[in-house]
Amino acid sequence: MPKAVRFSTYGGPDVLQVVDVPMPVPADGEVLVQVMAAALNPGEIGIREGVFAQIWPAHFPEGQGNDFSGHVVEVGGTGSAFAVGDEVLGFSPRAAQAEYVVVSSGALAHKPATLSWEAAASVAGAGATAWASVAAVKPQPGETVVVSGAAGGVGIIAAQLARLSGATVIGTASSANAAALEDRGIIPVQYGQGLRAELERMAPHGVDAFIDTFGRGNVALAIALGVPPNRINTTADGAGVQRYGVHSDAQEQADSPAIWGELAELAASGALDIPVGAVYPLERVADAYREVATRHGFGKRVLRIRP
């Protein structure tokens, strides 16, 4: 029997188990994918801990993970845009961390052959969230954009996409990740005390747009810097959205295989880097989430489902 991640009660990473499950069977309009890699995202921690139970309740035993890459091994019905053997990437809510997943043909995009499984697994979640964040603030050539948490899985992609628009991009991060940002054309700045003064020094003509992927006061900082609310997007500060009326666009606003395919082609061409900071086997899913929970490190954390 194939294996999948499951949890049967809300709690910390210790509630996660890798168990045997029945082989899923695709219905008409669906495909069965043998998963090669599945990404991990911070929001999944809140779901597992019950933080979002009133909005997105778990149905125990609950699966986990959303974005993945793999091979099509069976097609349900006829007329699908995918065939057995196709390499794909996609989004399957609370089901991706498994050896096999059934998914609608409309929730898949073709994976470029030169794109790694790990990078491809990060496209439909972190990549789409970054794309939506950038689209919300509409950076223009010659403008200055600040990205908070620019070394994280979403932040590093958003910062590069903003730069591809022609903007100058300043990324807040720890000093340990400064060189990695510079390598990708992003101007690093140390977060913490004195950040506002440092940003004002680095952008003497003002900050035009602000993308917040970290929370913890960054929306208020953007307002203090004079950024208009309609040029601010946050994926981590619901209170800031309510108070200031800023954007909160994320994966849902880029839930589109066409966008995923565009991002995958950018990554395959070398125009966009999707860095993967650590790869774990499926059996170490709990350890992987412990690292994700630290909110430190560079790039994405990914499970490698098959060697």
C-alpha atoms as a PDB file:
ATOM      1  CA  MET A   1       0.000   0.000   0.000  1.00  0.00           C
ATOM      2  CA  PRO A   2       1.234   3.534  -0.682  1.00  0.00           C
ATOM      3  CA  LYS A   3       2.195   5.813   2.200  1.00  0.00           C
ATOM      4  CA  ALA A   4       0.923   9.262   3.108  1.00  0.00           C
ATOM      5  CA  VAL A   5       1.199  11.802   5.927  1.00  0.00           C
ATOM      6  CA  ARG A   6      -1.771  11.826   8.293  1.00  0.00           C
ATOM      7  CA  PHE A   7      -2.698  13.349  11.649  1.00  0.00           C
ATOM      8  CA  SER A   8      -5.675  12.413  13.822  1.00  0.00           C
ATOM      9  CA  THR A   9      -5.636  15.231  16.358  1.00  0.00           C
ATOM     10  CA  TYR A  10      -4.568  18.864  16.427  1.00  0.00           C
ATOM     11  CA  GLY A  11      -1.102  19.443  17.851  1.00  0.00           C
ATOM     12  CA  GLY A  12       2.619  19.848  17.266  1.00  0.00           C
ATOM     13  CA  PRO A  13       4.718  18.006  14.703  1.00  0.00           C
ATOM     14  CA  ASP A  14       4.680  14.847  16.826  1.00  0.00           C
ATOM     15  CA  VAL A  15       1.051  14.199  15.781  1.00  0.00           C
ATOM     16  CA  LEU A  16       2.215  13.592  12.207  1.00  0.00           C
ATOM     17  CA  GLN A  17       2.417   9.987  11.104  1.00  0.00           C
ATOM     18  CA  VAL A  18       3.406   8.290   7.846  1.00  0.00           C
ATOM     19  CA  VAL A  19       0.847   5.532   7.324  1.00  0.00           C
ATOM     20  CA  ASP A  20      -0.357   3.060   4.704  1.00  0.00           C
ATOM     21  CA  VAL A  21      -3.384   4.270   2.722  1.00  0.00           C
ATOM     22  CA  PRO A  22      -5.471   2.788  -0.084  1.00  0.00           C
ATOM     23  CA  MET A  23      -4.267   3.480  -3.611  1.00  0.00           C
ATOM     24  CA  PRO A  24      -6.333   6.435  -4.897  1.00  0.00           C
ATOM     25  CA  VAL A  25      -8.256   5.904  -8.128  1.00  0.00           C
ATOM     26  CA  PRO A  26      -8.843   8.751 -10.600  1.00  0.00           C
ATOM     27  CA  ALA A  27     -12.377   9.484 -11.751  1.00  0.00           C
ATOM     28  CA  ASP A  28     -13.292  11.076 -15.060  1.00  0.00           C
ATOM     29  CA  GLY A  29     -11.414  14.376 -15.390  1.00  0.00           C
ATOM     30  CA  GLU A  30      -8.795  13.365 -12.812  1.00  0.00           C
ATOM     31  CA  VAL A  31      -5.292  11.937 -13.014  1.00  0.00           C
ATOM     32  CA  LEU A  32      -3.234   9.814 -10.643  1.00  0.00           C
ATOM     33  CA  VAL A  33       0.222  11.256  -9.970  1.00  0.00           C
ATOM     34  CA  GLN A  34       3.168   9.424  -8.458  1.00  0.00           C
ATOM     35  CA  VAL A  35       4.590  12.181  -6.291  1.00  0.00           C
ATOM     36  CA  MET A  36       8.310  12.870  -6.497  1.00  0.00           C
ATOM     37  CA  ALA A  37       8.505  15.896  -4.180  1.00  0.00           C
ATOM     38  CA  ALA A  38       6.117  17.883  -1.978  1.00  0.00           C
ATOM     39  CA  ALA A  39       6.729  21.330  -0.505  1.00  0.00           C
ATOM     40  CA  LEU A  40       6.171  22.482   3.073  1.00  0.00           C
ATOM     41  CA  ASN A  41       4.577  25.844   3.894  1.00  0.00           C
ATOM     42  CA  PRO A  42       4.229  27.762   7.201  1.00  0.00           C
ATOM     43  CA  GLY A  43       0.448  28.043   6.883  1.00  0.00           C
ATOM     44  CA  GLU A  44       0.153  24.259   7.074  1.00  0.00           C
ATOM     45  CA  ILE A  45       1.464  24.429  10.633  1.00  0.00           C
ATOM     46  CA  GLY A  46      -1.486  26.576  11.695  1.00  0.00           C
ATOM     47  CA  ILE A  47      -3.934  24.142  10.111  1.00  0.00           C
ATOM     48  CA  ARG A  48      -2.343  21.183  11.913  1.00  0.00           C
ATOM     49  CA  GLU A  49      -2.292  23.039  15.231  1.00  0.00           C
ATOM     50  CA  GLY A  50      -5.967  24.013  14.918  1.00  0.00           C
ATOM     51  CA  VAL A  51      -5.338  27.760  14.616  1.00  0.00           C
ATOM     52  CA  PHE A  52      -7.668  27.902  11.613  1.00  0.00           C
ATOM     53  CA  ALA A  53     -10.132  25.278  12.821  1.00  0.00           C
ATOM     54  CA  GLN A  54     -13.088  27.667  12.590  1.00  0.00           C
ATOM     55  CA  ILE A  55     -12.278  28.533   8.978  1.00  0.00           C
ATOM     56  CA  TRP A  56     -10.654  25.365   7.627  1.00  0.00           C
ATOM     57  CA  PRO A  57     -11.490  22.521  10.029  1.00  0.00           C
ATOM     58  CA  ALA A  58      -9.631  19.235   9.783  1.00  0.00           C
ATOM     59  CA  HIS A  59     -11.490  16.028   8.980  1.00  0.00           C
ATOM     60  CA  PHE A  60      -9.577  13.353  10.829  1.00  0.00           C
ATOM     61  CA  PRO A  61      -7.570  11.476   9.842  1.00  0.00           C
ATOM     62  CA  GLU A  62      -6.383  14.511   7.902  1.00  0.00           C
ATOM     63  CA  GLY A  63      -3.807  14.628   5.109  1.00  0.00           C
ATOM     64  CA  GLN A  64      -1.242  17.356   4.728  1.00  0.00           C
ATOM     65  CA  GLY A  65       0.585  19.374   2.114  1.00  0.00           C
ATOM     66  CA  ASN A  66      -0.664  21.191  -0.964  1.00  0.00           C
ATOM     67  CA  ASP A  67       1.939  21.644  -3.700  1.00  0.00           C
ATOM     68  CA  PHE A  68       3.844  18.815  -5.387  1.00  0.00           C
ATOM     69  CA  SER A  69       5.572  17.507  -8.496  1.00  0.00           C
ATOM     70  CA  GLY A  70       5.537  14.065 -10.026  1.00  0.00           C
ATOM     71  CA  HIS A  71       4.687  11.686 -12.922  1.00  0.00           C
ATOM     72  CA  VAL A  72       1.240  10.976 -14.288  1.00  0.00           C
ATOM     73  CA  VAL A  73       0.669   7.217 -13.906  1.00  0.00           C
ATOM     74  CA  GLU A  74      -3.047   6.927 -14.733  1.00  0.00           C
ATOM     75  CA  VAL A  75      -5.646   9.095 -16.467  1.00  0.00           C
ATOM     76  CA  GLY A  76      -9.326   8.870 -15.592  1.00  0.00           C
ATOM     77  CA  GLY A  77     -11.702   9.025 -18.549  1.00  0.00           C
ATOM     78  CA  THR A  78     -10.785  10.539 -21.901  1.00  0.00           C
ATOM     79  CA  GLY A  79      -9.927  13.941 -23.300  1.00  0.00           C
ATOM     80  CA  SER A  80      -7.348  14.893 -20.658  1.00  0.00           C
ATOM     81  CA  ALA A  81      -4.565  17.348 -21.491  1.00  0.00           C
ATOM     82  CA  PHE A  82      -2.197  14.958 -19.697  1.00  0.00           C
ATOM     83  CA  ALA A  83      -0.917  11.510 -20.569  1.00  0.00           C
ATOM     84  CA  VAL A  84       0.752   8.701 -18.658  1.00  0.00           C
ATOM     85  CA  GLY A  85       4.419   9.591 -18.206  1.00  0.00           C
ATOM     86  CA  ASP A  86       3.966  13.363 -18.238  1.00  0.00           C
ATOM     87  CA  GLU A  87       6.000  15.267 -15.667  1.00  0.00           C
ATOM     88  CA  VAL A  88       3.711  17.663 -13.830  1.00  0.00           C
ATOM     89  CA  LEU A  89       3.395  20.056 -10.917  1.00  0.00           C
ATOM     90  CA  GLY A  90       0.211  20.944  -9.121  1.00  0.00           C
ATOM     91  CA  PHE A  91      -1.868  21.759  -6.080  1.00  0.00           C
ATOM     92  CA  SER A  92      -3.910  19.264  -4.057  1.00  0.00           C
ATOM     93  CA  PRO A  93      -5.047  20.693  -0.693  1.00  0.00           C
ATOM     94  CA  ARG A  94      -4.140  18.537   2.316  1.00  0.00           C
ATOM     95  CA  ALA A  95      -3.123  15.595   0.160  1.00  0.00           C
ATOM     96  CA  ALA A  96       0.242  16.323  -1.485  1.00  0.00           C
ATOM     97  CA  GLN A  97       2.529  14.724   1.100  1.00  0.00           C
ATOM     98  CA  ALA A  98       1.932  11.205  -0.143  1.00  0.00           C
ATOM     99  CA  GLU A  99       3.385   8.707  -2.572  1.00  0.00           C
ATOM    100  CA  TYR A 100       0.345   9.031  -4.837  1.00  0.00           C
ATOM    101  CA  VAL A 101      -2.272  11.737  -5.231  1.00  0.00           C
ATOM    102  CA  VAL A 102      -5.404  12.042  -7.339  1.00  0.00           C
ATOM    103  CA  VAL A 103      -5.921  15.537  -8.690  1.00  0.00           C
ATOM    104  CA  SER A 104      -8.175  17.272 -11.197  1.00  0.00           C
ATOM    105  CA  SER A 105      -6.613  17.823 -14.600  1.00  0.00           C
ATOM    106  CA  GLY A 106      -7.397  21.503 -14.054  1.00  0.00           C
ATOM    107  CA  ALA A 107      -5.065  21.654 -11.058  1.00  0.00           C
ATOM    108  CA  LEU A 108      -1.926  20.601 -12.925  1.00  0.00           C
ATOM    109  CA  ALA A 109       0.697  22.209 -15.117  1.00  0.00           C
ATOM    110  CA  HIS A 110       3.415  20.571 -17.184  1.00  0.00           C
ATOM    111  CA  LYS A 111       6.845  20.557 -15.549  1.00  0.00           C
ATOM    112  CA  PRO A 112       9.756  21.655 -17.738  1.00  0.00           C
ATOM    113  CA  ALA A 113      12.218  18.787 -18.093  1.00  0.00           C
ATOM    114  CA  THR A 114      15.160  20.838 -16.830  1.00  0.00           C
ATOM    115  CA  LEU A 115      13.426  22.020 -13.635  1.00  0.00           C
ATOM    116  CA  SER A 116      14.257  19.968 -10.535  1.00  0.00           C
ATOM    117  CA  TRP A 117      11.487  18.046  -8.783  1.00  0.00           C
ATOM    118  CA  GLU A 118      12.073  20.052  -5.606  1.00  0.00           C
ATOM    119  CA  ALA A 119      11.851  23.438  -7.308  1.00  0.00           C
ATOM    120  CA  ALA A 120       8.804  22.333  -9.294  1.00  0.00           C
ATOM    121  CA  ALA A 121       7.062  21.220  -6.101  1.00  0.00           C
ATOM    122  CA  SER A 122       7.358  24.784  -4.778  1.00  0.00           C
ATOM    123  CA  VAL A 123       5.747  26.536  -7.739  1.00  0.00           C
ATOM    124  CA  ALA A 124       2.006  26.137  -7.110  1.00  0.00           C
ATOM    125  CA  GLY A 125       2.266  27.255  -3.466  1.00  0.00           C
ATOM    126  CA  ALA A 126       5.168  29.581  -2.730  1.00  0.00           C
ATOM    127  CA  GLY A 127       5.593  30.582  -6.368  1.00  0.00           C
ATOM    128  CA  ALA A 128       1.929  31.433  -6.838  1.00  0.00           C
ATOM    129  CA  THR A 129       1.800  33.344  -3.546  1.00  0.00           C
ATOM    130  CA  ALA A 130       4.839  35.378  -4.588  1.00  0.00           C
ATOM    131  CA  TRP A 131       3.327  36.050  -8.030  1.00  0.00           C
ATOM    132  CA  ALA A 132       0.058  37.284  -6.484  1.00  0.00           C
ATOM    133  CA  SER A 133       1.916  39.464  -3.964  1.00  0.00           C
ATOM    134  CA  VAL A 134       3.863  41.189  -6.704  1.00  0.00           C
ATOM    135  CA  ALA A 135       0.829  41.573  -8.968  1.00  0.00           C
ATOM    136  CA  ALA A 136      -1.075  43.220  -6.110  1.00  0.00           C
ATOM    137  CA  VAL A 137       1.445  46.072  -5.706  1.00  0.00           C
ATOM    138  CA  LYS A 138       2.192  46.512  -9.437  1.00  0.00           C
ATOM    139  CA  PRO A 139       5.903  47.441  -9.332  1.00  0.00           C
ATOM    140  CA  GLN A 140       7.076  49.619 -12.222  1.00  0.00           C
ATOM    141  CA  PRO A 141      10.494  50.127 -13.806  1.00  0.00           C
ATOM    142  CA  GLY A 142      12.581  52.549 -11.764  1.00  0.00           C
ATOM    143  CA  GLU A 143      10.517  52.167  -8.583  1.00  0.00           C
ATOM    144  CA  THR A 144      11.820  50.951  -5.229  1.00  0.00           C
ATOM    145  CA  VAL A 145      10.155  47.914  -3.661  1.00  0.00           C
ATOM    146  CA  VAL A 146      10.808  46.482  -0.193  1.00  0.00           C
ATOM    147  CA  VAL A 147      10.221  42.777   0.493  1.00  0.00           C
ATOM    148  CA  SER A 148      10.191  41.635   4.120  1.00  0.00           C
ATOM    149  CA  GLY A 149      11.385  38.116   4.826  1.00  0.00           C
ATOM    150  CA  ALA A 150      13.152  38.192   1.478  1.00  0.00           C
ATOM    151  CA  ALA A 151      15.177  35.054   2.196  1.00  0.00           C
ATOM    152  CA  GLY A 152      12.111  32.905   2.883  1.00  0.00           C
ATOM    153  CA  GLY A 153      10.399  30.560   0.462  1.00  0.00           C
ATOM    154  CA  VAL A 154       7.872  33.160  -0.742  1.00  0.00           C
ATOM    155  CA  GLY A 155       9.999  36.240  -0.172  1.00  0.00           C
ATOM    156  CA  ILE A 156      12.940  35.169  -2.328  1.00  0.00           C
ATOM    157  CA  ILE A 157      10.638  34.459  -5.279  1.00  0.00           C
ATOM    158  CA  ALA A 158       8.637  37.670  -4.816  1.00  0.00           C
ATOM    159  CA  ALA A 159      11.802  39.744  -4.619  1.00  0.00           C
ATOM    160  CA  GLN A 160      13.087  38.294  -7.885  1.00  0.00           C
ATOM    161  CA  LEU A 161       9.752  38.770  -9.656  1.00  0.00           C
ATOM    162  CA  ALA A 162       9.640  42.400  -8.520  1.00  0.00           C
ATOM    163  CA  ARG A 163      13.160  42.853  -9.835  1.00  0.00           C
ATOM    164  CA  LEU A 164      12.165  41.314 -13.186  1.00  0.00           C
ATOM    165  CA  SER A 165       9.563  44.091 -13.441  1.00  0.00           C
ATOM    166  CA  GLY A 166      12.401  46.608 -13.534  1.00  0.00           C
ATOM    167  CA  ALA A 167      12.160  47.791  -9.927  1.00  0.00           C
ATOM    168  CA  THR A 168      15.004  48.180  -7.464  1.00  0.00           C
ATOM    169  CA  VAL A 169      14.345  45.659  -4.702  1.00  0.00           C
ATOM    170  CA  ILE A 170      15.452  45.915  -1.072  1.00  0.00           C
ATOM    171  CA  GLY A 171      15.026  42.719   0.943  1.00  0.00           C
ATOM    172  CA  THR A 172      14.932  42.481   4.720  1.00  0.00           C
ATOM    173  CA  ALA A 173      16.684  39.403   6.077  1.00  0.00           C
ATOM    174  CA  SER A 174      19.253  38.258   8.597  1.00  0.00           C
ATOM    175  CA  SER A 175      22.886  39.054   7.935  1.00  0.00           C
ATOM    176  CA  ALA A 176      23.495  35.335   7.312  1.00  0.00           C
ATOM    177  CA  ASN A 177      21.400  35.551   4.131  1.00  0.00           C
ATOM    178  CA  ALA A 178      22.717  38.876   2.831  1.00  0.00           C
ATOM    179  CA  ALA A 179      25.109  37.338   0.303  1.00  0.00           C
ATOM    180  CA  ALA A 180      22.403  35.044  -1.085  1.00  0.00           C
ATOM    181  CA  LEU A 181      20.159  38.063  -1.722  1.00  0.00           C
ATOM    182  CA  GLU A 182      22.955  40.009  -3.372  1.00  0.00           C
ATOM    183  CA  ASP A 183      23.666  37.054  -5.663  1.00  0.00           C
ATOM    184  CA  ARG A 184      20.089  37.390  -6.934  1.00  0.00           C
ATOM    185  CA  GLY A 185      20.228  41.150  -7.482  1.00  0.00           C
ATOM    186  CA  ILE A 186      18.412  42.065  -4.264  1.00  0.00           C
ATOM    187  CA  ILE A 187      19.793  44.731  -1.925  1.00  0.00           C
ATOM    188  CA  PRO A 188      19.906  43.200   1.582  1.00  0.00           C
ATOM    189  CA  VAL A 189      19.109  45.041   4.793  1.00  0.00           C
ATOM    190  CA  GLN A 190      19.236  43.632   8.321  1.00  0.00           C
ATOM    191  CA  TYR A 191      15.799  43.457   9.941  1.00  0.00           C
ATOM    192  CA  GLY A 192      15.340  44.538  13.558  1.00  0.00           C
ATOM    193  CA  GLN A 193      16.035  47.702  15.479  1.00  0.00           C
ATOM    194  CA  GLY A 194      16.704  50.743  13.299  1.00  0.00           C
ATOM    195  CA  LEU A 195      15.163  49.220  10.186  1.00  0.00           C
ATOM    196  CA  ARG A 196      13.006  52.247   9.354  1.00  0.00           C
ATOM    197  CA  ALA A 197      15.935  54.645   9.490  1.00  0.00           C
ATOM    198  CA  GLU A 198      18.051  52.311   7.375  1.00  0.00           C
ATOM    199  CA  LEU A 199      15.338  51.986   4.726  1.00  0.00           C
ATOM    200  CA  GLU A 200      14.919  55.756   4.618  1.00  0.00           C
ATOM    201  CA  ARG A 201      18.668  56.057   4.100  1.00  0.00           C
ATOM    202  CA  MET A 202      18.722  53.408   1.371  1.00  0.00           C
ATOM    203  CA  ALA A 203      15.689  54.850  -0.438  1.00  0.00           C
ATOM    204  CA  PRO A 204      16.068  58.647  -0.113  1.00  0.00           C
ATOM    205  CA  HIS A 205      13.347  59.255  -2.708  1.00  0.00           C
ATOM    206  CA  GLY A 206      10.906  57.005  -0.901  1.00  0.00           C
ATOM    207  CA  VAL A 207       9.629  53.432  -1.085  1.00  0.00           C
ATOM    208  CA  ASP A 208       6.998  52.924  -3.780  1.00  0.00           C
ATOM    209  CA  ALA A 209       5.680  49.477  -2.844  1.00  0.00           C
ATOM    210  CA  PHE A 210       6.046  46.995   0.015  1.00  0.00           C
ATOM    211  CA  ILE A 211       5.571  43.213   0.027  1.00  0.00           C
ATOM    212  CA  ASP A 212       5.315  41.717   3.515  1.00  0.00           C
ATOM    213  CA  THR A 213       5.823  37.964   3.877  1.00  0.00           C
ATOM    214  CA  PHE A 214       6.782  37.992   7.557  1.00  0.00           C
ATOM    215  CA  GLY A 215       4.296  40.068   9.585  1.00  0.00           C
ATOM    216  CA  ARG A 216       5.434  41.403  12.960  1.00  0.00           C
ATOM    217  CA  GLY A 217       4.844  45.081  12.255  1.00  0.00           C
ATOM    218  CA  ASN A 218       5.966  45.294   8.642  1.00  0.00           C
ATOM    219  CA  VAL A 219       2.641  46.690   7.416  1.00  0.00           C
ATOM    220  CA  ALA A 220       2.833  49.470  10.012  1.00  0.00           C
ATOM    221  CA  LEU A 221       6.426  50.092   8.935  1.00  0.00           C
ATOM    222  CA  ALA A 222       5.357  50.416   5.302  1.00  0.00           C
ATOM    223  CA  ILE A 223       2.666  52.942   6.262  1.00  0.00           C
ATOM    224  CA  ALA A 224       5.235  54.893   8.316  1.00  0.00           C
ATOM    225  CA  LEU A 225       7.504  54.991   5.260  1.00  0.00           C
ATOM    226  CA  GLY A 226       4.706  56.654   3.324  1.00  0.00           C
ATOM    227  CA  VAL A 227       3.782  53.722   1.095  1.00  0.00           C
ATOM    228  CA  PRO A 228       0.115  54.023  -0.021  1.00  0.00           C
ATOM    229  CA  PRO A 229      -2.061  51.158   1.299  1.00  0.00           C
ATOM    230  CA  ASN A 230      -2.915  50.070  -2.262  1.00  0.00           C
ATOM    231  CA  ARG A 231       0.811  49.474  -2.901  1.00  0.00           C
ATOM    232  CA  ILE A 232       1.225  47.180   0.139  1.00  0.00           C
ATOM    233  CA  ASN A 233       0.550  43.440   0.207  1.00  0.00           C
ATOM    234  CA  THR A 234       0.884  41.169   3.229  1.00  0.00           C
ATOM    235  CA  THR A 235       0.568  37.407   3.524  1.00  0.00           C
ATOM    236  CA  ALA A 236       1.254  37.393   7.256  1.00  0.00           C
ATOM    237  CA  ASP A 237      -0.583  40.269   8.988  1.00  0.00           C
ATOM    238  CA  GLY A 238      -4.358  39.991   9.071  1.00  0.00           C
ATOM    239  CA  ALA A 239      -4.617  42.742  11.664  1.00  0.00           C
ATOM    240  CA  GLY A 240      -2.676  45.060   9.373  1.00  0.00           C
ATOM    241  CA  VAL A 241      -5.106  44.328   6.554  1.00  0.00           C
ATOM    242  CA  GLN A 242      -8.064  45.245   8.772  1.00  0.00           C
ATOM    243  CA  ARG A 243      -6.469  48.386  10.152  1.00  0.00           C
ATOM    244  CA  TYR A 244      -4.938  49.890   7.027  1.00  0.00           C
ATOM    245  CA  GLY A 245      -6.881  48.326   4.152  1.00  0.00           C
ATOM    246  CA  VAL A 246      -3.818  46.893   2.438  1.00  0.00           C
ATOM    247  CA  HIS A 247      -3.864  43.952   0.029  1.00  0.00           C
ATOM    248  CA  SER A 248      -3.646  40.354   1.259  1.00  0.00           C
ATOM    249  CA  ASP A 249      -3.323  38.526  -2.060  1.00  0.00           C
ATOM    250  CA  ALA A 250      -1.761  35.068  -1.895  1.00  0.00           C
ATOM    251  CA  GLN A 251      -1.980  31.622  -3.510  1.00  0.00           C
ATOM    252  CA  GLU A 252      -5.745  31.840  -3.968  1.00  0.00           C
ATOM    253  CA  GLN A 253      -5.330  34.851  -6.284  1.00  0.00           C
ATOM    254  CA  ALA A 254      -2.882  32.886  -8.467  1.00  0.00           C
ATOM    255  CA  ASP A 255      -4.604  29.491  -8.365  1.00  0.00           C
ATOM    256  CA  SER A 256      -4.013  29.028 -12.058  1.00  0.00           C
ATOM    257  CA  PRO A 257      -2.036  26.393 -13.989  1.00  0.00           C
ATOM    258  CA  ALA A 258      -1.270  29.079 -16.570  1.00  0.00           C
ATOM    259  CA  ILE A 259       0.513  31.151 -13.913  1.00  0.00           C
ATOM    260  CA  TRP A 260       2.247  28.063 -12.524  1.00  0.00           C
ATOM    261  CA  GLY A 261       3.450  27.185 -15.999  1.00  0.00           C
ATOM    262  CA  GLU A 262       4.749  30.717 -16.524  1.00  0.00           C
ATOM    263  CA  LEU A 263       6.699  30.560 -13.257  1.00  0.00           C
ATOM    264  CA  ALA A 264       8.052  27.096 -14.048  1.00  0.00           C
ATOM    265  CA  GLU A 265       9.306  28.259 -17.457  1.00  0.00           C
ATOM    266  CA  LEU A 266      10.972  31.302 -15.869  1.00  0.00           C
ATOM    267  CA  ALA A 267      12.720  28.991 -13.399  1.00  0.00           C
ATOM    268  CA  ALA A 268      13.721  26.496 -16.079  1.00  0.00           C
ATOM    269  CA  SER A 269      15.196  29.312 -18.201  1.00  0.00           C
ATOM    270  CA  GLY A 270      17.311  30.604 -15.311  1.00  0.00           C
ATOM    271  CA  ALA A 271      15.499  33.938 -15.110  1.00  0.00           C
ATOM    272  CA  LEU A 272      14.017  32.957 -11.745  1.00  0.00           C
ATOM    273  CA  ASP A 273      15.703  30.930  -9.011  1.00  0.00           C
ATOM    274  CA  ILE A 274      13.570  28.822  -6.663  1.00  0.00           C
ATOM    275  CA  PRO A 275      16.121  27.946  -3.976  1.00  0.00           C
ATOM    276  CA  VAL A 276      15.573  24.833  -1.874  1.00  0.00           C
ATOM    277  CA  GLY A 277      17.291  25.154   1.498  1.00  0.00           C
ATOM    278  CA  ALA A 278      16.733  21.608   2.752  1.00  0.00           C
ATOM    279  CA  VAL A 279      15.304  18.321   1.506  1.00  0.00           C
ATOM    280  CA  TYR A 280      13.886  15.652   3.814  1.00  0.00           C
ATOM    281  CA  PRO A 281      12.650  12.112   3.223  1.00  0.00           C
ATOM    282  CA  LEU A 282       8.953  11.511   3.813  1.00  0.00           C
ATOM    283  CA  GLU A 283       9.637   9.727   7.099  1.00  0.00           C
ATOM    284  CA  ARG A 284      11.197  12.888   8.556  1.00  0.00           C
ATOM    285  CA  VAL A 285       8.201  15.125   7.898  1.00  0.00           C
ATOM    286  CA  ALA A 286       7.983  16.117  11.579  1.00  0.00           C
ATOM    287  CA  ASP A 287      11.618  17.261  11.599  1.00  0.00           C
ATOM    288  CA  ALA A 288      11.042  19.221   8.424  1.00  0.00           C
ATOM    289  CA  TYR A 289       8.141  21.139   9.985  1.00  0.00           C
ATOM    290  CA  ARG A 290      10.176  21.865  13.103  1.00  0.00           C
ATOM    291  CA  GLU A 291      12.658  23.647  10.872  1.00  0.00           C
ATOM    292  CA  VAL A 292       9.931  25.488   8.948  1.00  0.00           C
ATOM    293  CA  ALA A 293       8.499  26.707  12.269  1.00  0.00           C
ATOM    294  CA  THR A 294      11.751  28.508  13.144  1.00  0.00           C
ATOM    295  CA  ARG A 295      11.079  31.002  10.289  1.00  0.00           C
ATOM    296  CA  HIS A 296      14.827  31.039   9.642  1.00  0.00           C
ATOM    297  CA  GLY A 297      16.943  29.578   6.890  1.00  0.00           C
ATOM    298  CA  PHE A 298      17.014  30.265   3.172  1.00  0.00           C
ATOM    299  CA  GLY A 299      14.520  29.200   0.540  1.00  0.00           C
ATOM    300  CA  LYS A 300      12.073  26.304   0.600  1.00  0.00           C
ATOM    301  CA  ARG A 301      11.871  23.120   2.669  1.00  0.00           C
ATOM    302  CA  VAL A 302      10.777  20.125   0.594  1.00  0.00           C
ATOM    303  CA  LEU A 303       9.996  16.443   1.133  1.00  0.00           C
ATOM    304  CA  ARG A 304      11.569  14.101  -1.415  1.00  0.00           C
ATOM    305  CA  ILE A 305       8.944  11.391  -1.690  1.00  0.00           C
ATOM    306  CA  ARG A 306      10.832   9.088  -4.077  1.00  0.00           C
ATOM    307  CA  PRO A 307      14.617   8.780  -4.297  1.00  0.00           C
END
